[in-house]
Every structure is written in C-alpha cells, then in structure tokens.
Amino acid sequence: MMTIRETQMLKGILDGCVLRIISDGEVYGYELIQKLKQSGFDSVVGGTIYPILQKLEKNGDVASVMKKSLEGPDRKYFSITEQGQDTLRIFWQEFSELTDKVRYLWKE
C-alpha cells in the first residue's frame, strides 16, 4: 500500500513516467499499469492512471485509437504525439535538475 507521503511525491512524477512508457510504443491502459508495476510502482492502480491518460490526451501529449481485442472488449491504445515528446524531454530535464538539488542537500 502506498503511503500518503509516497502518493504526494508521485503526483508530479507519474505523468512523466506514463509518457516515458508510451514513448516506447503504443500501449493500452491495463498494459501501462502492468509496466509501471514491473518498474517498481507496485501500488499504482487504474484509478490513478486513467485520469492521467485522459489529462495527457486532453493536453495533446498522447493520442488514442480504439482497437479490437481477441480477449474481450475493444481497447483504447495510447501513443505519444510530437508535443508529448517535447513534454517528456522537458519533464526529464526538470526532474534531473530537481534530483540534483535534492542530492546536493543530502551531501551537506
């Protein structure tokens, strides 16, 4: 279970992590959640990820398309847009700068 502190820390980071996974190729929601869990985000659930996907789509960072599934209902697949690539690049730059500042403080 995710702690309140962990939840607060992840709020601004998950968008970038979701974009990073999508930048590797088209993915549907449940598959994305599984990839996050495989990366160590064990507590991430659909109730957290699906609103992020909706926001990223609304902002133009990802695009979606419905595709038939052999295993059940149609699935909504997400892919990163050119704007999303720019957003991801800026996110990683800002995240790197922030983590450098935090590491510097811990060295003191």
N, C-alpha and C. Protein backbone atom coordinates (compact mmCIF):
# COMPACT_ATOMS: atom_id res chain seq x y z
N MET A 1 0.84 -1.20 0.00
CA MET A 1 0.00 0.00 0.00
C MET A 1 0.88 1.25 0.00
N MET A 2 0.48 2.21 -0.79
CA MET A 2 1.22 3.44 -0.91
C MET A 2 0.95 4.34 0.28
N THR A 3 2.01 4.93 0.84
CA THR A 3 1.85 5.86 1.95
C THR A 3 1.39 7.22 1.42
N ILE A 4 0.86 8.04 2.30
CA ILE A 4 0.43 9.38 1.91
C ILE A 4 1.62 10.17 1.38
N ARG A 5 2.77 10.03 2.02
CA ARG A 5 3.97 10.74 1.58
C ARG A 5 4.37 10.31 0.17
N GLU A 6 4.36 9.00 -0.06
CA GLU A 6 4.72 8.49 -1.38
C GLU A 6 3.74 8.99 -2.43
N THR A 7 2.46 9.00 -2.10
CA THR A 7 1.43 9.49 -3.01
C THR A 7 1.70 10.94 -3.38
N GLN A 8 2.02 11.76 -2.39
CA GLN A 8 2.30 13.17 -2.65
C GLN A 8 3.53 13.34 -3.54
N MET A 9 4.57 12.55 -3.28
CA MET A 9 5.79 12.66 -4.08
C MET A 9 5.56 12.24 -5.52
N LEU A 10 4.72 11.25 -5.73
CA LEU A 10 4.47 10.72 -7.07
C LEU A 10 3.57 11.60 -7.92
N LYS A 11 2.80 12.49 -7.29
CA LYS A 11 1.82 13.28 -8.04
C LYS A 11 2.40 13.93 -9.29
N GLY A 12 3.50 14.60 -9.18
CA GLY A 12 4.07 15.28 -10.33
C GLY A 12 4.95 14.41 -11.19
N ILE A 13 5.30 13.23 -10.70
CA ILE A 13 6.25 12.38 -11.40
C ILE A 13 5.56 11.38 -12.32
N LEU A 14 4.38 10.92 -11.94
CA LEU A 14 3.71 9.87 -12.71
C LEU A 14 3.40 10.27 -14.14
N ASP A 15 3.06 11.52 -14.37
CA ASP A 15 2.79 11.97 -15.74
C ASP A 15 4.00 11.68 -16.63
N GLY A 16 5.18 12.05 -16.15
CA GLY A 16 6.40 11.82 -16.91
C GLY A 16 6.69 10.35 -17.09
N CYS A 17 6.43 9.55 -16.06
CA CYS A 17 6.66 8.10 -16.15
C CYS A 17 5.71 7.47 -17.16
N VAL A 18 4.47 7.91 -17.16
CA VAL A 18 3.48 7.40 -18.12
C VAL A 18 3.90 7.78 -19.54
N LEU A 19 4.30 9.02 -19.75
CA LEU A 19 4.76 9.43 -21.08
C LEU A 19 5.98 8.63 -21.51
N ARG A 20 6.88 8.36 -20.57
CA ARG A 20 8.09 7.59 -20.91
C ARG A 20 7.73 6.20 -21.41
N ILE A 21 6.81 5.54 -20.74
CA ILE A 21 6.40 4.20 -21.17
C ILE A 21 5.73 4.26 -22.55
N ILE A 22 4.85 5.23 -22.73
CA ILE A 22 4.15 5.36 -24.01
C ILE A 22 5.13 5.70 -25.13
N SER A 23 6.21 6.40 -24.80
CA SER A 23 7.19 6.77 -25.84
C SER A 23 7.88 5.54 -26.43
N ASP A 24 7.83 4.40 -25.74
CA ASP A 24 8.41 3.16 -26.27
C ASP A 24 7.51 2.49 -27.29
N GLY A 25 6.25 2.90 -27.35
CA GLY A 25 5.32 2.32 -28.31
C GLY A 25 3.90 2.32 -27.78
N GLU A 26 2.99 2.13 -28.67
CA GLU A 26 1.56 2.13 -28.37
C GLU A 26 1.24 1.15 -27.23
N VAL A 27 0.38 1.60 -26.31
CA VAL A 27 0.05 0.79 -25.14
C VAL A 27 -1.38 1.09 -24.71
N TYR A 28 -2.06 0.07 -24.16
CA TYR A 28 -3.40 0.31 -23.61
C TYR A 28 -3.30 0.41 -22.09
N GLY A 29 -4.33 0.92 -21.45
CA GLY A 29 -4.30 1.28 -20.04
C GLY A 29 -3.82 0.18 -19.11
N TYR A 30 -4.43 -0.99 -19.17
CA TYR A 30 -4.05 -2.07 -18.25
C TYR A 30 -2.60 -2.49 -18.47
N GLU A 31 -2.19 -2.53 -19.73
CA GLU A 31 -0.80 -2.87 -20.06
C GLU A 31 0.16 -1.84 -19.46
N LEU A 32 -0.21 -0.58 -19.53
CA LEU A 32 0.59 0.50 -18.96
C LEU A 32 0.74 0.32 -17.46
N ILE A 33 -0.36 0.01 -16.79
CA ILE A 33 -0.32 -0.21 -15.34
C ILE A 33 0.63 -1.37 -15.01
N GLN A 34 0.58 -2.44 -15.78
CA GLN A 34 1.46 -3.59 -15.55
C GLN A 34 2.92 -3.20 -15.75
N LYS A 35 3.20 -2.38 -16.73
CA LYS A 35 4.58 -1.94 -16.97
C LYS A 35 5.07 -1.07 -15.81
N LEU A 36 4.21 -0.22 -15.28
CA LEU A 36 4.58 0.58 -14.12
C LEU A 36 4.87 -0.33 -12.93
N LYS A 37 4.04 -1.32 -12.71
CA LYS A 37 4.25 -2.26 -11.61
C LYS A 37 5.56 -3.02 -11.78
N GLN A 38 5.87 -3.42 -12.99
CA GLN A 38 7.14 -4.12 -13.27
C GLN A 38 8.34 -3.21 -12.99
N SER A 39 8.12 -1.91 -13.06
CA SER A 39 9.18 -0.95 -12.80
C SER A 39 9.29 -0.57 -11.33
N GLY A 40 8.47 -1.19 -10.49
CA GLY A 40 8.55 -0.93 -9.05
C GLY A 40 7.42 -0.08 -8.49
N PHE A 41 6.53 0.41 -9.33
CA PHE A 41 5.39 1.19 -8.86
C PHE A 41 4.26 0.23 -8.50
N ASP A 42 4.49 -0.57 -7.46
CA ASP A 42 3.59 -1.66 -7.09
C ASP A 42 2.18 -1.22 -6.72
N SER A 43 2.05 -0.02 -6.18
CA SER A 43 0.75 0.42 -5.65
C SER A 43 -0.08 1.20 -6.64
N VAL A 44 0.41 1.41 -7.84
CA VAL A 44 -0.32 2.20 -8.84
C VAL A 44 -1.54 1.41 -9.31
N VAL A 45 -2.67 2.09 -9.37
CA VAL A 45 -3.93 1.47 -9.78
C VAL A 45 -4.57 2.27 -10.91
N GLY A 46 -5.56 1.65 -11.54
CA GLY A 46 -6.25 2.30 -12.65
C GLY A 46 -6.86 3.63 -12.27
N GLY A 47 -7.36 3.74 -11.05
CA GLY A 47 -7.97 4.99 -10.60
C GLY A 47 -7.00 6.15 -10.57
N THR A 48 -5.71 5.83 -10.58
CA THR A 48 -4.67 6.86 -10.64
C THR A 48 -4.25 7.11 -12.08
N ILE A 49 -4.09 6.03 -12.84
CA ILE A 49 -3.51 6.13 -14.19
C ILE A 49 -4.50 6.62 -15.24
N TYR A 50 -5.74 6.14 -15.20
CA TYR A 50 -6.69 6.54 -16.25
C TYR A 50 -6.95 8.05 -16.28
N PRO A 51 -7.07 8.72 -15.13
CA PRO A 51 -7.21 10.18 -15.19
C PRO A 51 -5.97 10.86 -15.78
N ILE A 52 -4.78 10.30 -15.52
CA ILE A 52 -3.56 10.86 -16.11
C ILE A 52 -3.60 10.71 -17.63
N LEU A 53 -4.02 9.54 -18.11
CA LEU A 53 -4.13 9.33 -19.55
C LEU A 53 -5.12 10.30 -20.17
N GLN A 54 -6.26 10.52 -19.50
CA GLN A 54 -7.25 11.47 -20.01
C GLN A 54 -6.68 12.88 -20.07
N LYS A 55 -5.94 13.27 -19.03
CA LYS A 55 -5.34 14.61 -18.99
C LYS A 55 -4.30 14.76 -20.10
N LEU A 56 -3.44 13.74 -20.25
CA LEU A 56 -2.41 13.81 -21.29
C LEU A 56 -3.02 13.86 -22.68
N GLU A 57 -4.12 13.15 -22.87
CA GLU A 57 -4.80 13.19 -24.17
C GLU A 57 -5.44 14.56 -24.40
N LYS A 58 -6.09 15.08 -23.38
CA LYS A 58 -6.73 16.40 -23.50
C LYS A 58 -5.70 17.49 -23.79
N ASN A 59 -4.50 17.34 -23.19
CA ASN A 59 -3.44 18.33 -23.39
C ASN A 59 -2.72 18.17 -24.73
N GLY A 60 -2.99 17.07 -25.44
CA GLY A 60 -2.35 16.84 -26.73
C GLY A 60 -1.02 16.11 -26.67
N ASP A 61 -0.68 15.56 -25.50
CA ASP A 61 0.58 14.85 -25.35
C ASP A 61 0.50 13.39 -25.82
N VAL A 62 -0.70 12.84 -25.80
CA VAL A 62 -0.91 11.49 -26.32
C VAL A 62 -2.16 11.50 -27.20
N ALA A 63 -2.20 10.54 -28.11
CA ALA A 63 -3.38 10.33 -28.95
C ALA A 63 -3.85 8.91 -28.69
N SER A 64 -5.12 8.65 -28.95
CA SER A 64 -5.64 7.31 -28.71
C SER A 64 -6.43 6.80 -29.90
N VAL A 65 -6.53 5.49 -29.97
CA VAL A 65 -7.30 4.83 -31.01
C VAL A 65 -7.87 3.55 -30.41
N MET A 66 -9.12 3.25 -30.74
CA MET A 66 -9.75 2.02 -30.28
C MET A 66 -9.38 0.90 -31.25
N LYS A 67 -9.02 -0.25 -30.66
CA LYS A 67 -8.67 -1.42 -31.48
C LYS A 67 -9.37 -2.64 -30.92
N LYS A 68 -9.69 -3.55 -31.80
CA LYS A 68 -10.33 -4.80 -31.39
C LYS A 68 -9.35 -5.63 -30.58
N SER A 69 -9.89 -6.38 -29.63
CA SER A 69 -9.09 -7.29 -28.81
C SER A 69 -9.61 -8.70 -28.99
N LEU A 70 -8.73 -9.65 -29.08
CA LEU A 70 -9.12 -11.05 -29.17
C LEU A 70 -9.58 -11.58 -27.82
N GLU A 71 -9.26 -10.84 -26.75
CA GLU A 71 -9.52 -11.31 -25.39
C GLU A 71 -10.68 -10.60 -24.70
N GLY A 72 -11.50 -9.89 -25.40
CA GLY A 72 -12.60 -9.18 -24.76
C GLY A 72 -12.99 -7.95 -25.54
N PRO A 73 -13.44 -6.90 -24.80
CA PRO A 73 -13.89 -5.68 -25.47
C PRO A 73 -12.75 -4.94 -26.16
N ASP A 74 -13.12 -4.02 -27.04
CA ASP A 74 -12.12 -3.18 -27.71
C ASP A 74 -11.27 -2.47 -26.66
N ARG A 75 -10.04 -2.17 -27.03
CA ARG A 75 -9.12 -1.49 -26.13
C ARG A 75 -8.72 -0.15 -26.71
N LYS A 76 -8.50 0.80 -25.82
CA LYS A 76 -8.05 2.13 -26.22
C LYS A 76 -6.53 2.16 -26.09
N TYR A 77 -5.86 2.28 -27.22
CA TYR A 77 -4.40 2.33 -27.25
C TYR A 77 -3.93 3.77 -27.32
N PHE A 78 -2.87 4.06 -26.57
CA PHE A 78 -2.32 5.40 -26.50
C PHE A 78 -0.94 5.44 -27.15
N SER A 79 -0.67 6.51 -27.87
CA SER A 79 0.65 6.74 -28.45
C SER A 79 1.05 8.19 -28.17
N ILE A 80 2.34 8.42 -28.10
CA ILE A 80 2.83 9.76 -27.79
C ILE A 80 2.81 10.62 -29.06
N THR A 81 2.49 11.87 -28.90
CA THR A 81 2.48 12.82 -30.01
C THR A 81 3.83 13.55 -30.06
N GLU A 82 4.01 14.32 -31.09
CA GLU A 82 5.23 15.15 -31.16
C GLU A 82 5.28 16.11 -29.98
N GLN A 83 4.15 16.70 -29.65
CA GLN A 83 4.08 17.59 -28.48
C GLN A 83 4.43 16.80 -27.22
N GLY A 84 3.94 15.58 -27.11
CA GLY A 84 4.23 14.74 -25.96
C GLY A 84 5.71 14.44 -25.84
N GLN A 85 6.39 14.25 -26.99
CA GLN A 85 7.85 14.04 -26.97
C GLN A 85 8.55 15.26 -26.37
N ASP A 86 8.08 16.46 -26.76
CA ASP A 86 8.64 17.70 -26.20
C ASP A 86 8.36 17.79 -24.70
N THR A 87 7.13 17.47 -24.31
CA THR A 87 6.75 17.50 -22.90
C THR A 87 7.62 16.53 -22.11
N LEU A 88 7.86 15.34 -22.64
CA LEU A 88 8.69 14.34 -21.97
C LEU A 88 10.13 14.82 -21.84
N ARG A 89 10.67 15.40 -22.88
CA ARG A 89 12.04 15.92 -22.83
C ARG A 89 12.18 16.99 -21.75
N ILE A 90 11.23 17.90 -21.70
CA ILE A 90 11.24 18.97 -20.69
C ILE A 90 11.08 18.38 -19.29
N PHE A 91 10.18 17.39 -19.15
CA PHE A 91 9.99 16.75 -17.86
C PHE A 91 11.30 16.15 -17.34
N TRP A 92 12.00 15.37 -18.19
CA TRP A 92 13.23 14.72 -17.74
C TRP A 92 14.30 15.73 -17.41
N GLN A 93 14.35 16.83 -18.14
CA GLN A 93 15.32 17.88 -17.84
C GLN A 93 15.02 18.50 -16.48
N GLU A 94 13.77 18.85 -16.24
CA GLU A 94 13.39 19.47 -14.96
C GLU A 94 13.53 18.47 -13.81
N PHE A 95 13.17 17.21 -14.03
CA PHE A 95 13.29 16.19 -13.00
C PHE A 95 14.75 15.98 -12.62
N SER A 96 15.62 15.95 -13.61
CA SER A 96 17.05 15.79 -13.37
C SER A 96 17.60 16.95 -12.55
N GLU A 97 17.19 18.17 -12.90
CA GLU A 97 17.64 19.34 -12.14
C GLU A 97 17.16 19.28 -10.70
N LEU A 98 15.92 18.86 -10.51
CA LEU A 98 15.37 18.75 -9.16
C LEU A 98 16.09 17.70 -8.34
N THR A 99 16.32 16.52 -8.93
CA THR A 99 17.01 15.47 -8.18
C THR A 99 18.45 15.87 -7.86
N ASP A 100 19.09 16.62 -8.74
CA ASP A 100 20.44 17.12 -8.46
C ASP A 100 20.43 18.03 -7.23
N LYS A 101 19.41 18.88 -7.13
CA LYS A 101 19.29 19.79 -5.98
C LYS A 101 19.08 19.01 -4.68
N VAL A 102 18.24 17.99 -4.75
CA VAL A 102 17.97 17.18 -3.56
C VAL A 102 19.23 16.42 -3.15
N ARG A 103 19.92 15.83 -4.11
CA ARG A 103 21.18 15.13 -3.81
C ARG A 103 22.20 16.07 -3.20
N TYR A 104 22.27 17.29 -3.71
CA TYR A 104 23.22 18.27 -3.16
C TYR A 104 22.92 18.53 -1.68
N LEU A 105 21.65 18.68 -1.36
CA LEU A 105 21.29 18.92 0.04
C LEU A 105 21.69 17.77 0.95
N TRP A 106 21.58 16.55 0.46
CA TRP A 106 21.91 15.37 1.27
C TRP A 106 23.41 15.21 1.45
N LYS A 107 24.21 15.86 0.63
CA LYS A 107 25.67 15.79 0.78
C LYS A 107 26.17 16.69 1.92
N GLU A 108 25.38 17.69 2.26
CA GLU A 108 25.80 18.66 3.29
C GLU A 108 25.84 18.03 4.66
